[in-house]
Amino acid sequence: MSCTTCDALRAELATAERSGDRSKAVDCRVLLRRHPEHDDVPVEGKAEWEAERKGEP
């Protein structure tokens, strides 16, 4: 399965890493981590992350 948004972010991440732009690389990693759905398939672990964020056990 491939997500076009993730593919674009990974390409941007690779470019940032090659050029030494650490700030942009971190931004890309954060956006990849926070990307909520991949072609209408929820990201694994998202429900647990949201519960933890709300302070639920």
PDB file of N, CA and C in Angstrom:
ATOM      1  N   MET A   1       0.855  -1.168   0.000  1.00  0.00           N
ATOM      2  CA  MET A   1       0.000   0.000   0.000  1.00  0.00           C
ATOM      3  C   MET A   1       0.901   1.232   0.000  1.00  0.00           C
ATOM      4  N   SER A   2       0.530   2.219  -0.781  1.00  0.00           N
ATOM      5  CA  SER A   2       1.318   3.427  -0.886  1.00  0.00           C
ATOM      6  C   SER A   2       0.423   4.642  -0.702  1.00  0.00           C
ATOM      7  N   CYS A   3       0.900   5.603   0.041  1.00  0.00           N
ATOM      8  CA  CYS A   3       0.171   6.843   0.285  1.00  0.00           C
ATOM      9  C   CYS A   3       0.920   7.961  -0.437  1.00  0.00           C
ATOM     10  N   THR A   4       0.240   8.685  -1.305  1.00  0.00           N
ATOM     11  CA  THR A   4       0.909   9.726  -2.082  1.00  0.00           C
ATOM     12  C   THR A   4       1.457  10.843  -1.194  1.00  0.00           C
ATOM     13  N   THR A   5       0.748  11.164  -0.128  1.00  0.00           N
ATOM     14  CA  THR A   5       1.230  12.200   0.792  1.00  0.00           C
ATOM     15  C   THR A   5       2.516  11.747   1.475  1.00  0.00           C
ATOM     16  N   CYS A   6       2.530  10.521   1.956  1.00  0.00           N
ATOM     17  CA  CYS A   6       3.731   9.990   2.611  1.00  0.00           C
ATOM     18  C   CYS A   6       4.890   9.892   1.623  1.00  0.00           C
ATOM     19  N   ASP A   7       4.596   9.466   0.401  1.00  0.00           N
ATOM     20  CA  ASP A   7       5.651   9.378  -0.613  1.00  0.00           C
ATOM     21  C   ASP A   7       6.286  10.745  -0.846  1.00  0.00           C
ATOM     22  N   ALA A   8       5.463  11.781  -0.943  1.00  0.00           N
ATOM     23  CA  ALA A   8       5.975  13.139  -1.163  1.00  0.00           C
ATOM     24  C   ALA A   8       6.794  13.608   0.036  1.00  0.00           C
ATOM     25  N   LEU A   9       6.313  13.319   1.244  1.00  0.00           N
ATOM     26  CA  LEU A   9       7.051  13.718   2.448  1.00  0.00           C
ATOM     27  C   LEU A   9       8.377  12.972   2.567  1.00  0.00           C
ATOM     28  N   ARG A  10       8.396  11.692   2.204  1.00  0.00           N
ATOM     29  CA  ARG A  10       9.646  10.926   2.247  1.00  0.00           C
ATOM     30  C   ARG A  10      10.655  11.476   1.239  1.00  0.00           C
ATOM     31  N   ALA A  11      10.176  11.854   0.059  1.00  0.00           N
ATOM     32  CA  ALA A  11      11.064  12.431  -0.950  1.00  0.00           C
ATOM     33  C   ALA A  11      11.626  13.769  -0.461  1.00  0.00           C
ATOM     34  N   GLU A  12      10.771  14.577   0.140  1.00  0.00           N
ATOM     35  CA  GLU A  12      11.210  15.865   0.684  1.00  0.00           C
ATOM     36  C   GLU A  12      12.202  15.650   1.826  1.00  0.00           C
ATOM     37  N   LEU A  13      11.961  14.648   2.653  1.00  0.00           N
ATOM     38  CA  LEU A  13      12.870  14.309   3.743  1.00  0.00           C
ATOM     39  C   LEU A  13      14.234  13.913   3.194  1.00  0.00           C
ATOM     40  N   ALA A  14      14.243  13.071   2.183  1.00  0.00           N
ATOM     41  CA  ALA A  14      15.507  12.633   1.593  1.00  0.00           C
ATOM     42  C   ALA A  14      16.284  13.819   1.021  1.00  0.00           C
ATOM     43  N   THR A  15      15.595  14.719   0.360  1.00  0.00           N
ATOM     44  CA  THR A  15      16.239  15.911  -0.197  1.00  0.00           C
ATOM     45  C   THR A  15      16.818  16.779   0.912  1.00  0.00           C
ATOM     46  N   ALA A  16      16.044  16.963   1.975  1.00  0.00           N
ATOM     47  CA  ALA A  16      16.509  17.775   3.101  1.00  0.00           C
ATOM     48  C   ALA A  16      17.740  17.152   3.750  1.00  0.00           C
ATOM     49  N   GLU A  17      17.738  15.830   3.905  1.00  0.00           N
ATOM     50  CA  GLU A  17      18.885  15.159   4.514  1.00  0.00           C
ATOM     51  C   GLU A  17      20.124  15.279   3.640  1.00  0.00           C
ATOM     52  N   ARG A  18      19.947  15.121   2.320  1.00  0.00           N
ATOM     53  CA  ARG A  18      21.086  15.232   1.404  1.00  0.00           C
ATOM     54  C   ARG A  18      21.691  16.638   1.420  1.00  0.00           C
ATOM     55  N   SER A  19      20.832  17.638   1.562  1.00  0.00           N
ATOM     56  CA  SER A  19      21.328  19.014   1.535  1.00  0.00           C
ATOM     57  C   SER A  19      21.760  19.517   2.919  1.00  0.00           C
ATOM     58  N   GLY A  20      21.561  18.696   3.943  1.00  0.00           N
ATOM     59  CA  GLY A  20      21.977  19.070   5.293  1.00  0.00           C
ATOM     60  C   GLY A  20      21.001  19.993   6.011  1.00  0.00           C
ATOM     61  N   ASP A  21      19.771  20.077   5.502  1.00  0.00           N
ATOM     62  CA  ASP A  21      18.758  20.935   6.119  1.00  0.00           C
ATOM     63  C   ASP A  21      18.060  20.156   7.232  1.00  0.00           C
ATOM     64  N   ARG A  22      18.657  20.189   8.418  1.00  0.00           N
ATOM     65  CA  ARG A  22      18.139  19.400   9.540  1.00  0.00           C
ATOM     66  C   ARG A  22      16.758  19.852   9.985  1.00  0.00           C
ATOM     67  N   SER A  23      16.513  21.146   9.944  1.00  0.00           N
ATOM     68  CA  SER A  23      15.215  21.670  10.356  1.00  0.00           C
ATOM     69  C   SER A  23      14.096  21.132   9.458  1.00  0.00           C
ATOM     70  N   LYS A  24      14.330  21.160   8.161  1.00  0.00           N
ATOM     71  CA  LYS A  24      13.334  20.661   7.208  1.00  0.00           C
ATOM     72  C   LYS A  24      13.150  19.152   7.374  1.00  0.00           C
ATOM     73  N   ALA A  25      14.234  18.452   7.640  1.00  0.00           N
ATOM     74  CA  ALA A  25      14.160  17.004   7.833  1.00  0.00           C
ATOM     75  C   ALA A  25      13.290  16.670   9.048  1.00  0.00           C
ATOM     76  N   VAL A  26      13.482  17.407  10.130  1.00  0.00           N
ATOM     77  CA  VAL A  26      12.668  17.187  11.332  1.00  0.00           C
ATOM     78  C   VAL A  26      11.204  17.499  11.026  1.00  0.00           C
ATOM     79  N   ASP A  27      10.962  18.595  10.313  1.00  0.00           N
ATOM     80  CA  ASP A  27       9.588  18.939   9.937  1.00  0.00           C
ATOM     81  C   ASP A  27       8.928  17.809   9.167  1.00  0.00           C
ATOM     82  N   CYS A  28       9.652  17.238   8.219  1.00  0.00           N
ATOM     83  CA  CYS A  28       9.104  16.136   7.418  1.00  0.00           C
ATOM     84  C   CYS A  28       8.800  14.921   8.282  1.00  0.00           C
ATOM     85  N   ARG A  29       9.710  14.613   9.210  1.00  0.00           N
ATOM     86  CA  ARG A  29       9.477  13.471  10.098  1.00  0.00           C
ATOM     87  C   ARG A  29       8.236  13.677  10.958  1.00  0.00           C
ATOM     88  N   VAL A  30       8.068  14.893  11.459  1.00  0.00           N
ATOM     89  CA  VAL A  30       6.891  15.200  12.281  1.00  0.00           C
ATOM     90  C   VAL A  30       5.624  15.060  11.455  1.00  0.00           C
ATOM     91  N   LEU A  31       5.635  15.604  10.247  1.00  0.00           N
ATOM     92  CA  LEU A  31       4.452  15.517   9.387  1.00  0.00           C
ATOM     93  C   LEU A  31       4.137  14.067   9.026  1.00  0.00           C
ATOM     94  N   LEU A  32       5.156  13.273   8.781  1.00  0.00           N
ATOM     95  CA  LEU A  32       4.933  11.848   8.504  1.00  0.00           C
ATOM     96  C   LEU A  32       4.305  11.156   9.713  1.00  0.00           C
ATOM     97  N   ARG A  33       4.803  11.472  10.877  1.00  0.00           N
ATOM     98  CA  ARG A  33       4.296  10.842  12.102  1.00  0.00           C
ATOM     99  C   ARG A  33       2.860  11.248  12.387  1.00  0.00           C
ATOM    100  N   ARG A  34       2.531  12.502  12.084  1.00  0.00           N
ATOM    101  CA  ARG A  34       1.194  13.011  12.387  1.00  0.00           C
ATOM    102  C   ARG A  34       0.176  12.771  11.283  1.00  0.00           C
ATOM    103  N   HIS A  35       0.626  12.306  10.136  1.00  0.00           N
ATOM    104  CA  HIS A  35      -0.284  12.091   9.008  1.00  0.00           C
ATOM    105  C   HIS A  35      -1.362  11.093   9.423  1.00  0.00           C
ATOM    106  N   PRO A  36      -2.622  11.549   9.529  1.00  0.00           N
ATOM    107  CA  PRO A  36      -3.665  10.751  10.169  1.00  0.00           C
ATOM    108  C   PRO A  36      -4.166   9.540   9.387  1.00  0.00           C
ATOM    109  N   GLU A  37      -4.166   9.610   8.097  1.00  0.00           N
ATOM    110  CA  GLU A  37      -4.689   8.488   7.315  1.00  0.00           C
ATOM    111  C   GLU A  37      -3.862   8.300   6.064  1.00  0.00           C
ATOM    112  N   HIS A  38      -3.783   7.083   5.639  1.00  0.00           N
ATOM    113  CA  HIS A  38      -3.051   6.730   4.437  1.00  0.00           C
ATOM    114  C   HIS A  38      -4.043   6.149   3.452  1.00  0.00           C
ATOM    115  N   ASP A  39      -4.484   6.981   2.523  1.00  0.00           N
ATOM    116  CA  ASP A  39      -5.478   6.566   1.538  1.00  0.00           C
ATOM    117  C   ASP A  39      -6.685   5.926   2.224  1.00  0.00           C
ATOM    118  N   ASP A  40      -7.226   6.626   3.198  1.00  0.00           N
ATOM    119  CA  ASP A  40      -8.413   6.236   3.957  1.00  0.00           C
ATOM    120  C   ASP A  40      -8.194   5.060   4.899  1.00  0.00           C
ATOM    121  N   VAL A  41      -6.952   4.707   5.190  1.00  0.00           N
ATOM    122  CA  VAL A  41      -6.651   3.649   6.153  1.00  0.00           C
ATOM    123  C   VAL A  41      -6.003   4.312   7.361  1.00  0.00           C
ATOM    124  N   PRO A  42      -6.627   4.227   8.544  1.00  0.00           N
ATOM    125  CA  PRO A  42      -6.061   4.880   9.735  1.00  0.00           C
ATOM    126  C   PRO A  42      -4.659   4.375  10.048  1.00  0.00           C
ATOM    127  N   VAL A  43      -3.841   5.257  10.573  1.00  0.00           N
ATOM    128  CA  VAL A  43      -2.483   4.902  10.952  1.00  0.00           C
ATOM    129  C   VAL A  43      -2.527   4.011  12.177  1.00  0.00           C
ATOM    130  N   GLU A  44      -1.713   2.964  12.159  1.00  0.00           N
ATOM    131  CA  GLU A  44      -1.644   2.039  13.292  1.00  0.00           C
ATOM    132  C   GLU A  44      -1.160   2.781  14.523  1.00  0.00           C
ATOM    133  N   GLY A  45      -1.830   2.587  15.639  1.00  0.00           N
ATOM    134  CA  GLY A  45      -1.440   3.198  16.899  1.00  0.00           C
ATOM    135  C   GLY A  45      -2.039   4.580  17.125  1.00  0.00           C
ATOM    136  N   LYS A  46      -2.776   5.111  16.181  1.00  0.00           N
ATOM    137  CA  LYS A  46      -3.329   6.454  16.323  1.00  0.00           C
ATOM    138  C   LYS A  46      -4.316   6.531  17.483  1.00  0.00           C
ATOM    139  N   ALA A  47      -5.149   5.534  17.655  1.00  0.00           N
ATOM    140  CA  ALA A  47      -6.134   5.540  18.738  1.00  0.00           C
ATOM    141  C   ALA A  47      -5.437   5.568  20.095  1.00  0.00           C
ATOM    142  N   GLU A  48      -4.358   4.791  20.226  1.00  0.00           N
ATOM    143  CA  GLU A  48      -3.611   4.768  21.479  1.00  0.00           C
ATOM    144  C   GLU A  48      -2.965   6.122  21.739  1.00  0.00           C
ATOM    145  N   TRP A  49      -2.425   6.734  20.683  1.00  0.00           N
ATOM    146  CA  TRP A  49      -1.785   8.041  20.821  1.00  0.00           C
ATOM    147  C   TRP A  49      -2.801   9.085  21.265  1.00  0.00           C
ATOM    148  N   GLU A  50      -3.996   9.060  20.667  1.00  0.00           N
ATOM    149  CA  GLU A  50      -5.024  10.038  21.036  1.00  0.00           C
ATOM    150  C   GLU A  50      -5.481   9.840  22.474  1.00  0.00           C
ATOM    151  N   ALA A  51      -5.625   8.592  22.919  1.00  0.00           N
ATOM    152  CA  ALA A  51      -6.033   8.324  24.294  1.00  0.00           C
ATOM    153  C   ALA A  51      -4.958   8.815  25.266  1.00  0.00           C
ATOM    154  N   GLU A  52      -3.703   8.576  24.924  1.00  0.00           N
ATOM    155  CA  GLU A  52      -2.602   9.024  25.776  1.00  0.00           C
ATOM    156  C   GLU A  52      -2.573  10.554  25.845  1.00  0.00           C
ATOM    157  N   ARG A  53      -2.824  11.197  24.720  1.00  0.00           N
ATOM    158  CA  ARG A  53      -2.821  12.656  24.665  1.00  0.00           C
ATOM    159  C   ARG A  53      -3.920  13.251  25.546  1.00  0.00           C
ATOM    160  N   LYS A  54      -5.039  12.538  25.643  1.00  0.00           N
ATOM    161  CA  LYS A  54      -6.167  13.005  26.464  1.00  0.00           C
ATOM    162  C   LYS A  54      -5.992  12.630  27.934  1.00  0.00           C
ATOM    163  N   GLY A  55      -4.928  11.872  28.234  1.00  0.00           N
ATOM    164  CA  GLY A  55      -4.664  11.482  29.614  1.00  0.00           C
ATOM    165  C   GLY A  55      -5.408  10.240  30.058  1.00  0.00           C
ATOM    166  N   GLU A  56      -5.911   9.483  29.091  1.00  0.00           N
ATOM    167  CA  GLU A  56      -6.605   8.239  29.427  1.00  0.00           C
ATOM    168  C   GLU A  56      -5.598   7.120  29.521  1.00  0.00           C
ATOM    169  N   PRO A  57      -5.836   6.151  30.403  1.00  0.00           N
ATOM    170  CA  PRO A  57      -4.889   5.023  30.535  1.00  0.00           C
ATOM    171  C   PRO A  57      -4.902   4.102  29.351  1.00  0.00           C
TER     172      PRO A  57
END
